[in-house]
C-alpha atoms as a PDB file:
ATOM      1  CA  MET A   1      -0.206  -5.826  13.433  1.00  0.00           C
ATOM      2  CA  GLN A   2       1.591  -7.684  10.630  1.00  0.00           C
ATOM      3  CA  ILE A   3      -0.059  -8.417   7.284  1.00  0.00           C
ATOM      4  CA  GLU A   4       1.044 -10.219   4.117  1.00  0.00           C
ATOM      5  CA  PHE A   5      -0.776 -10.127   0.798  1.00  0.00           C
ATOM      6  CA  ASP A   6      -0.232 -10.465  -2.950  1.00  0.00           C
ATOM      7  CA  SER A   7      -1.223  -7.618  -5.240  1.00  0.00           C
ATOM      8  CA  PRO A   8      -0.867  -6.684  -8.880  1.00  0.00           C
ATOM      9  CA  VAL A   9       0.797  -3.321  -9.523  1.00  0.00           C
ATOM     10  CA  THR A  10      -1.643  -0.810 -10.976  1.00  0.00           C
ATOM     11  CA  ARG A  11      -0.987   2.578 -12.549  1.00  0.00           C
ATOM     12  CA  TRP A  12      -3.029   5.716 -11.828  1.00  0.00           C
ATOM     13  CA  GLU A  13      -2.659   8.535 -14.346  1.00  0.00           C
ATOM     14  CA  LYS A  14      -4.885  11.314 -13.052  1.00  0.00           C
ATOM     15  CA  ARG A  15      -1.955  13.701 -12.628  1.00  0.00           C
ATOM     16  CA  VAL A  16       0.921  14.722 -14.886  1.00  0.00           C
ATOM     17  CA  GLU A  17       3.133  12.026 -13.381  1.00  0.00           C
ATOM     18  CA  ALA A  18       1.694   8.499 -13.080  1.00  0.00           C
ATOM     19  CA  TRP A  19       1.430   6.897  -9.633  1.00  0.00           C
ATOM     20  CA  TYR A  20       1.754   3.156  -8.983  1.00  0.00           C
ATOM     21  CA  PHE A  21      -0.073   1.220  -6.281  1.00  0.00           C
ATOM     22  CA  ALA A  22      -0.503  -2.188  -4.688  1.00  0.00           C
ATOM     23  CA  THR A  23      -4.060  -2.807  -3.463  1.00  0.00           C
ATOM     24  CA  LEU A  24      -4.949  -4.634  -0.273  1.00  0.00           C
ATOM     25  CA  PRO A  25      -7.702  -7.272  -0.554  1.00  0.00           C
ATOM     26  CA  GLU A  26     -11.188  -5.812   0.038  1.00  0.00           C
ATOM     27  CA  GLU A  27     -11.986  -8.067   3.024  1.00  0.00           C
ATOM     28  CA  LEU A  28      -8.710  -7.164   4.728  1.00  0.00           C
ATOM     29  CA  SER A  29      -9.354  -3.483   3.955  1.00  0.00           C
ATOM     30  CA  ARG A  30     -12.771  -3.665   5.623  1.00  0.00           C
ATOM     31  CA  GLU A  31     -11.193  -5.206   8.723  1.00  0.00           C
ATOM     32  CA  LEU A  32      -8.543  -2.473   8.859  1.00  0.00           C
ATOM     33  CA  ARG A  33     -11.187   0.261   8.546  1.00  0.00           C
ATOM     34  CA  GLU A  34     -12.795  -1.062  11.757  1.00  0.00           C
ATOM     35  CA  LEU A  35      -9.604  -0.951  13.831  1.00  0.00           C
ATOM     36  CA  PRO A  36      -9.325   1.752  16.477  1.00  0.00           C
ATOM     37  CA  ALA A  37      -6.683   4.014  14.939  1.00  0.00           C
ATOM     38  CA  PRO A  38      -5.971   7.716  15.421  1.00  0.00           C
ATOM     39  CA  PRO A  39      -7.817   9.885  12.892  1.00  0.00           C
ATOM     40  CA  ARG A  40      -5.539  10.810   9.986  1.00  0.00           C
ATOM     41  CA  GLY A  41      -6.064  12.580   6.681  1.00  0.00           C
ATOM     42  CA  PHE A  42      -7.947  10.616   4.021  1.00  0.00           C
ATOM     43  CA  GLY A  43      -8.522   7.792   6.547  1.00  0.00           C
ATOM     44  CA  SER A  44      -4.895   6.759   6.096  1.00  0.00           C
ATOM     45  CA  LEU A  45      -2.905   4.356   8.252  1.00  0.00           C
ATOM     46  CA  ARG A  46       0.853   4.649   8.781  1.00  0.00           C
ATOM     47  CA  VAL A  47       2.724   1.467   7.855  1.00  0.00           C
ATOM     48  CA  GLN A  48       6.161  -0.029   7.478  1.00  0.00           C
ATOM     49  CA  VAL A  49       6.431  -1.977   4.228  1.00  0.00           C
ATOM     50  CA  ARG A  50       8.760  -4.661   2.938  1.00  0.00           C
ATOM     51  CA  ILE A  51       8.809  -5.731  -0.686  1.00  0.00           C
ATOM     52  CA  GLY A  52      11.749  -7.906  -1.645  1.00  0.00           C
ATOM     53  CA  THR A  53      14.822  -6.408   0.027  1.00  0.00           C
ATOM     54  CA  SER A  54      13.354  -2.885   0.323  1.00  0.00           C
ATOM     55  CA  THR A  55      11.814  -1.629   3.574  1.00  0.00           C
ATOM     56  CA  TRP A  56      10.288   1.823   4.088  1.00  0.00           C
ATOM     57  CA  ARG A  57       7.614   3.758   5.975  1.00  0.00           C
ATOM     58  CA  THR A  58       4.614   5.325   4.283  1.00  0.00           C
ATOM     59  CA  SER A  59       0.830   5.431   4.583  1.00  0.00           C
ATOM     60  CA  ILE A  60      -1.932   3.376   3.011  1.00  0.00           C
ATOM     61  CA  PHE A  61      -5.109   5.154   1.888  1.00  0.00           C
ATOM     62  CA  PHE A  62      -8.688   3.944   1.509  1.00  0.00           C
ATOM     63  CA  SER A  63      -9.920   4.362  -2.067  1.00  0.00           C
ATOM     64  CA  GLU A  64     -12.838   2.769  -3.910  1.00  0.00           C
ATOM     65  CA  GLY A  65     -13.461  -0.028  -1.397  1.00  0.00           C
ATOM     66  CA  ALA A  66      -9.876  -0.979  -0.508  1.00  0.00           C
ATOM     67  CA  PHE A  67      -6.680   0.409   0.952  1.00  0.00           C
ATOM     68  CA  VAL A  68      -3.954   1.214  -1.567  1.00  0.00           C
ATOM     69  CA  LEU A  69      -0.210   1.325  -1.021  1.00  0.00           C
ATOM     70  CA  PRO A  70       1.703   3.907  -3.086  1.00  0.00           C
ATOM     71  CA  LEU A  71       4.877   2.495  -4.645  1.00  0.00           C
ATOM     72  CA  LYS A  72       7.453   5.259  -4.953  1.00  0.00           C
ATOM     73  CA  LYS A  73       9.853   5.313  -7.872  1.00  0.00           C
ATOM     74  CA  ALA A  74      12.947   4.539  -5.771  1.00  0.00           C
ATOM     75  CA  ILE A  75      11.337   1.308  -4.549  1.00  0.00           C
ATOM     76  CA  ARG A  76      10.040   0.365  -8.010  1.00  0.00           C
ATOM     77  CA  ASP A  77      13.530   0.885  -9.443  1.00  0.00           C
ATOM     78  CA  ALA A  78      15.318  -0.979  -6.626  1.00  0.00           C
ATOM     79  CA  GLN A  79      13.000  -3.996  -6.919  1.00  0.00           C
ATOM     80  CA  GLN A  80      12.495  -3.762 -10.709  1.00  0.00           C
ATOM     81  CA  ILE A  81       8.729  -3.390 -10.265  1.00  0.00           C
ATOM     82  CA  GLU A  82       6.587  -2.646 -13.304  1.00  0.00           C
ATOM     83  CA  GLU A  83       2.886  -2.181 -13.978  1.00  0.00           C
ATOM     84  CA  GLY A  84       1.121  -5.555 -13.997  1.00  0.00           C
ATOM     85  CA  ASP A  85       3.694  -7.318 -11.803  1.00  0.00           C
ATOM     86  CA  THR A  86       2.339  -9.242  -8.813  1.00  0.00           C
ATOM     87  CA  LEU A  87       4.020  -8.382  -5.528  1.00  0.00           C
ATOM     88  CA  MET A  88       4.233 -10.086  -2.155  1.00  0.00           C
ATOM     89  CA  VAL A  89       3.775  -7.218   0.307  1.00  0.00           C
ATOM     90  CA  HIS A  90       4.619  -7.369   4.017  1.00  0.00           C
ATOM     91  CA  LEU A  91       2.980  -4.586   6.087  1.00  0.00           C
ATOM     92  CA  ASP A  92       3.298  -3.623   9.726  1.00  0.00           C
ATOM     93  CA  ILE A  93       0.538  -1.245  10.821  1.00  0.00           C
ATOM     94  CA  ILE A  94       2.181   1.483  12.934  1.00  0.00           C
ATOM     95  CA  ASP A  95      -0.923   3.455  13.996  1.00  0.00           C
ATOM     96  CA  LEU A  96      -2.341   0.848  16.383  1.00  0.00           C
END
């Protein structure tokens, strides 16, 4: 299943090191929660992601009404992503 969406980059500072995320739209997140997927920790789904010229595999996690995509530092650096930027995210759901 392929998905495209725009998302602002948000910062989460509940640990020593800040984490950065893109958030899937709530309606799309609700649809994904209803898909028959293998049970995984934290209700996560494995995905392949493309942002700009960077492609990688990770998981999205359901949090506070929507799935969130963690943006690791190597990707943020490669694509010059900063807090508040708006990203075009291309996702392929692997778990289905």
